[in-house]
Amino acid sequence: MNSFLAYMGGKSLLAKTIVPKIPEHNCYVEVFAGAAWMLFKKEEAVSRVEIINDINADLVTLYRVVKNHLEEFIRYFKWILVSRDEFYRFRREEPETLTDIQRAVRFYYLLKLGYAARIKAPSFSIVATAPPRLNLLRIEEELSAVHLRLSRVYIENRPYAEVFTRFDKPDTFFYVDPPYYGYEDYYGDGIFSRDDFVKLRDILAGLSGRFILSINDVDHIRDLFRAFRVETVETAYTAAGAHKKKHVNELLVTNFDPPRS
């Protein structure tokens, strides 16, 4: 199944390359979940335990509400219009002043109707070639399967270092998808920095479990992770609300030898 989110850095196309490389494991962990494409694309039965984590409290609230309060979430949209005015009204609201359901609705609305799934200062997106990406009449249909898929998934809101410390075991598999090098501030100020790539490398070097790290192909990253197995794969992406597909190389860094896809 597909993720229900358009999210900056989503791995919708790369998932078909990564999922076959996932080794046998007991516990599956997505450290920087974002749109959680690997979770939604992989078979549920291959993992006894599934955990997704993200530092973005709005995103985590959305996951938890869709998992636990889908009916109330859907009901809220009966009173909402798809419009530019409504978009900027939502944008002006302070998330911390809202209930969890209101906060989830706000974030989902902004992601669905914002240009390029921007987290910082989202702008309303409208194009002359397609209807709005938020169809208020089909929300229940679109999210019912997601609600069921998340039913046995643990949803965490922790700094990435804590996730590794808490869940690392020999039978744990981590999918690691940090912000791209050079784009660290796209997800918010102070969330991830250049120095965090060194910290992340050192954590990965000490793991008992296995991991796949996906990251953009730049010389500094190649040098930083040269002690691991590094594979170059080609992928493409289109930002939500944009229409030009860009072909790029991505690095898959691992501490084991996955099968070639």
Protein backbone atom coordinates (compact mmCIF):
# COMPACT_ATOMS: atom_id res chain seq x y z
CA MET A 1 0.00 0.00 0.00
CA ASN A 2 1.02 3.63 -0.37
CA SER A 3 1.68 6.23 2.28
CA PHE A 4 -1.20 8.63 2.83
CA LEU A 5 1.13 11.61 3.06
CA ALA A 6 2.98 13.84 0.65
CA TYR A 7 6.04 14.75 2.68
CA MET A 8 9.36 16.41 1.96
CA GLY A 9 11.94 13.68 1.32
CA GLY A 10 9.36 10.91 0.84
CA LYS A 11 10.71 7.67 -0.62
CA SER A 12 7.79 6.52 -2.77
CA LEU A 13 9.95 5.53 -5.75
CA LEU A 14 12.99 4.36 -3.79
CA ALA A 15 10.88 1.99 -1.69
CA LYS A 16 10.79 -0.66 -4.42
CA THR A 17 14.60 -0.74 -4.28
CA ILE A 18 14.99 -0.70 -0.50
CA VAL A 19 12.22 -3.06 0.66
CA PRO A 20 13.74 -6.19 -0.99
CA LYS A 21 17.01 -5.44 0.80
CA ILE A 22 15.51 -5.49 4.29
CA PRO A 23 17.06 -8.44 6.18
CA GLU A 24 15.27 -10.86 8.48
CA HIS A 25 14.52 -9.22 11.81
CA ASN A 26 12.22 -9.24 14.79
CA CYS A 27 11.84 -5.51 15.41
CA TYR A 28 11.47 -2.98 12.58
CA VAL A 29 12.25 0.68 13.35
CA GLU A 30 11.98 3.77 11.16
CA VAL A 31 14.09 6.38 12.92
CA PHE A 32 13.12 9.38 10.76
CA ALA A 33 9.69 8.21 9.65
CA GLY A 34 8.40 11.15 7.63
CA ALA A 35 5.80 9.64 5.28
CA ALA A 36 6.87 6.12 6.39
CA TRP A 37 6.99 4.78 2.85
CA MET A 38 9.01 1.69 3.82
CA LEU A 39 6.51 0.74 6.51
CA PHE A 40 3.58 1.01 4.13
CA LYS A 41 5.36 -0.77 1.26
CA LYS A 42 6.84 -3.70 3.17
CA GLU A 43 4.85 -6.76 4.20
CA GLU A 44 3.42 -6.39 7.70
CA ALA A 45 4.04 -10.06 8.54
CA VAL A 46 7.85 -9.89 8.19
CA SER A 47 8.16 -7.94 11.45
CA ARG A 48 6.96 -9.05 14.85
CA VAL A 49 7.25 -5.49 16.17
CA GLU A 50 7.01 -2.27 14.15
CA ILE A 51 8.02 1.18 15.39
CA ILE A 52 8.00 4.52 13.60
CA ASN A 53 9.56 7.63 15.08
CA ASP A 54 9.74 11.27 14.12
CA ILE A 55 10.80 14.38 15.97
CA ASN A 56 8.00 16.45 14.40
CA ALA A 57 5.22 16.56 16.99
CA ASP A 58 2.58 17.58 14.41
CA LEU A 59 3.40 14.55 12.26
CA VAL A 60 3.42 12.15 15.20
CA THR A 61 0.09 13.54 16.40
CA LEU A 62 -1.38 12.95 12.94
CA TYR A 63 -0.20 9.31 12.95
CA ARG A 64 -1.58 8.71 16.43
CA VAL A 65 -4.95 10.30 15.65
CA VAL A 66 -5.37 8.33 12.41
CA LYS A 67 -4.49 5.18 14.34
CA ASN A 68 -6.68 5.77 17.40
CA HIS A 69 -9.34 8.38 16.55
CA LEU A 70 -10.04 8.14 12.83
CA GLU A 71 -13.81 8.61 13.17
CA GLU A 72 -13.42 11.88 15.08
CA PHE A 73 -10.72 13.04 12.64
CA ILE A 74 -13.00 12.44 9.64
CA ARG A 75 -15.98 14.10 11.33
CA TYR A 76 -14.01 17.31 11.76
CA PHE A 77 -13.67 17.70 7.97
CA LYS A 78 -17.44 18.03 7.59
CA TRP A 79 -17.07 21.67 8.65
CA ILE A 80 -14.03 22.53 6.52
CA LEU A 81 -13.76 24.07 3.05
CA VAL A 82 -10.93 23.68 0.56
CA SER A 83 -9.89 27.29 0.01
CA ARG A 84 -6.95 29.64 0.18
CA ASP A 85 -8.49 31.54 3.11
CA GLU A 86 -8.99 28.33 5.08
CA PHE A 87 -5.40 27.27 4.34
CA TYR A 88 -3.91 30.45 5.75
CA ARG A 89 -6.29 30.41 8.70
CA PHE A 90 -4.91 26.97 9.58
CA ARG A 91 -1.36 28.19 9.03
CA ARG A 92 -1.85 31.06 11.50
CA GLU A 93 -3.01 28.73 14.28
CA GLU A 94 -0.54 27.74 16.98
CA PRO A 95 -0.45 23.90 17.11
CA GLU A 96 0.26 23.84 20.84
CA THR A 97 -3.09 25.55 21.56
CA LEU A 98 -5.14 22.86 19.78
CA THR A 99 -6.50 19.49 20.80
CA ASP A 100 -4.74 16.47 19.30
CA ILE A 101 -7.52 15.98 16.75
CA GLN A 102 -7.53 19.66 15.77
CA ARG A 103 -3.75 19.60 15.51
CA ALA A 104 -3.83 16.50 13.29
CA VAL A 105 -6.52 18.02 11.04
CA ARG A 106 -4.53 21.24 10.68
CA PHE A 107 -1.31 19.46 9.75
CA TYR A 108 -3.01 17.10 7.30
CA TYR A 109 -4.79 20.01 5.61
CA LEU A 110 -1.57 22.01 5.24
CA LEU A 111 0.34 19.01 3.86
CA LYS A 112 -2.39 18.12 1.39
CA LEU A 113 -2.87 21.61 0.00
CA GLY A 114 0.58 23.13 0.47
CA TYR A 115 3.18 23.52 -2.26
CA ALA A 116 5.95 20.88 -2.27
CA ALA A 117 4.92 19.56 1.17
CA ARG A 118 6.90 22.32 2.85
CA ILE A 119 6.96 22.18 6.63
CA LYS A 120 8.35 25.67 7.18
CA ALA A 121 6.06 28.48 5.96
CA PRO A 122 3.84 26.35 3.70
CA SER A 123 2.10 28.13 0.82
CA PHE A 124 -1.24 27.28 -0.78
CA SER A 125 -0.90 25.28 -4.00
CA ILE A 126 -3.37 25.36 -6.87
CA VAL A 127 -2.77 24.18 -10.42
CA ALA A 128 -4.84 24.49 -13.58
CA THR A 129 -4.30 20.85 -14.60
CA ALA A 130 -5.60 18.88 -11.60
CA PRO A 131 -8.26 19.02 -8.87
CA PRO A 132 -7.28 19.73 -5.23
CA ARG A 133 -5.28 16.92 -3.60
CA LEU A 134 -7.63 17.02 -0.62
CA ASN A 135 -10.98 15.44 -1.50
CA LEU A 136 -13.22 15.96 1.51
CA LEU A 137 -15.69 13.32 0.32
CA ARG A 138 -13.09 10.55 0.14
CA ILE A 139 -11.09 11.01 3.34
CA GLU A 140 -12.65 8.01 5.06
CA GLU A 141 -12.06 5.81 2.02
CA GLU A 142 -8.45 6.95 1.73
CA LEU A 143 -7.59 6.56 5.42
CA SER A 144 -9.44 3.41 6.48
CA ALA A 145 -6.66 1.11 5.25
CA VAL A 146 -4.04 3.34 6.88
CA HIS A 147 -5.95 3.14 10.17
CA LEU A 148 -5.84 -0.67 10.02
CA ARG A 149 -2.18 -0.74 8.98
CA LEU A 150 -1.16 1.41 11.93
CA SER A 151 -3.16 -0.64 14.44
CA ARG A 152 -0.14 -2.64 15.65
CA VAL A 153 2.53 0.00 15.05
CA TYR A 154 4.20 1.83 17.95
CA ILE A 155 4.48 5.56 17.24
CA GLU A 156 7.29 7.45 18.97
CA ASN A 157 8.29 11.12 19.20
CA ARG A 158 11.92 10.98 20.32
CA PRO A 159 15.29 12.39 19.28
CA TYR A 160 16.95 9.93 16.91
CA ALA A 161 19.80 9.07 19.29
CA GLU A 162 17.30 7.92 21.93
CA VAL A 163 15.60 5.65 19.41
CA PHE A 164 18.82 3.78 18.67
CA THR A 165 19.66 3.47 22.36
CA ARG A 166 16.21 2.22 23.30
CA PHE A 167 15.61 -0.31 20.54
CA ASP A 168 19.01 -1.58 19.42
CA LYS A 169 19.29 -5.36 19.64
CA PRO A 170 20.86 -7.97 17.35
CA ASP A 171 17.45 -8.78 15.84
CA THR A 172 16.44 -5.13 15.23
CA PHE A 173 16.46 -3.58 11.78
CA PHE A 174 16.63 0.22 11.46
CA TYR A 175 15.63 2.13 8.36
CA VAL A 176 17.43 5.47 8.63
CA ASP A 177 16.33 8.36 6.41
CA PRO A 178 17.72 11.61 7.84
CA PRO A 179 17.39 15.01 6.16
CA TYR A 180 19.48 15.29 3.01
CA TYR A 181 22.95 16.75 3.38
CA GLY A 182 22.69 20.45 2.52
CA TYR A 183 18.95 20.55 3.29
CA GLU A 184 19.04 20.07 7.04
CA ASP A 185 16.83 23.06 7.85
CA TYR A 186 13.94 22.09 5.53
CA TYR A 187 12.17 20.35 8.40
CA GLY A 188 12.55 23.18 10.91
CA ASP A 189 15.23 25.08 12.77
CA GLY A 190 17.46 23.19 15.18
CA ILE A 191 16.11 19.73 14.33
CA PHE A 192 19.13 18.38 12.46
CA SER A 193 22.50 19.96 11.68
CA ARG A 194 25.68 19.16 9.73
CA ASP A 195 27.27 17.94 12.95
CA ASP A 196 24.51 15.38 13.34
CA PHE A 197 25.83 13.42 10.35
CA VAL A 198 29.01 12.69 12.30
CA LYS A 199 27.01 11.79 15.40
CA LEU A 200 24.76 9.54 13.32
CA ARG A 201 27.74 7.78 11.74
CA ASP A 202 29.24 7.06 15.15
CA ILE A 203 25.94 5.67 16.45
CA LEU A 204 25.54 3.43 13.41
CA ALA A 205 29.09 2.13 13.84
CA GLY A 206 28.21 0.85 17.32
CA LEU A 207 24.90 -0.86 16.55
CA SER A 208 24.19 -4.48 17.37
CA GLY A 209 21.32 -4.52 14.88
CA ARG A 210 21.39 -3.94 11.15
CA PHE A 211 20.45 -0.83 9.22
CA ILE A 212 19.91 0.74 5.83
CA LEU A 213 20.65 4.45 5.61
CA SER A 214 19.42 6.35 2.54
CA ILE A 215 21.00 9.72 1.83
CA ASN A 216 21.78 12.00 -1.10
CA ASP A 217 24.97 11.31 -3.04
CA VAL A 218 27.54 13.97 -2.15
CA ASP A 219 31.29 13.60 -1.68
CA HIS A 220 31.25 14.50 2.01
CA ILE A 221 28.70 11.78 2.79
CA ARG A 222 30.66 9.21 0.78
CA ASP A 223 33.77 10.07 2.76
CA LEU A 224 31.97 10.15 6.11
CA PHE A 225 30.45 6.69 5.67
CA ARG A 226 33.33 5.06 3.80
CA ALA A 227 33.80 2.40 6.52
CA PHE A 228 30.38 0.92 5.68
CA ARG A 229 29.06 -0.79 2.60
CA VAL A 230 27.85 1.93 0.19
CA GLU A 231 25.69 1.30 -2.88
CA THR A 232 24.66 3.92 -5.44
CA VAL A 233 21.12 3.70 -6.79
CA GLU A 234 19.23 5.94 -9.19
CA THR A 235 15.87 7.36 -8.24
CA ALA A 236 13.59 10.25 -9.09
CA TYR A 237 11.30 12.47 -7.12
CA THR A 238 8.64 15.08 -7.65
CA ALA A 239 7.78 17.46 -4.84
CA ALA A 240 4.11 17.56 -3.91
CA GLY A 241 2.46 20.37 -5.82
CA ALA A 242 5.30 20.46 -8.34
CA HIS A 243 5.33 18.58 -11.64
CA LYS A 244 8.92 18.26 -12.80
CA LYS A 245 10.51 14.91 -12.00
CA LYS A 246 14.18 15.08 -11.07
CA HIS A 247 16.49 12.07 -11.53
CA VAL A 248 19.20 11.77 -8.90
CA ASN A 249 21.60 9.29 -7.35
CA GLU A 250 20.98 8.12 -3.80
CA LEU A 251 23.39 6.31 -1.49
CA LEU A 252 22.31 3.23 0.45
CA VAL A 253 24.65 2.68 3.39
CA THR A 254 24.48 -0.62 5.27
CA ASN A 255 26.36 -2.69 7.85
CA PHE A 256 25.49 -5.96 6.08
CA ASP A 257 25.46 -7.32 2.52
CA PRO A 258 21.91 -7.04 1.15
CA PRO A 259 20.90 -8.79 -2.06
CA ARG A 260 21.19 -6.72 -5.21
CA SER A 261 17.78 -5.58 -6.42
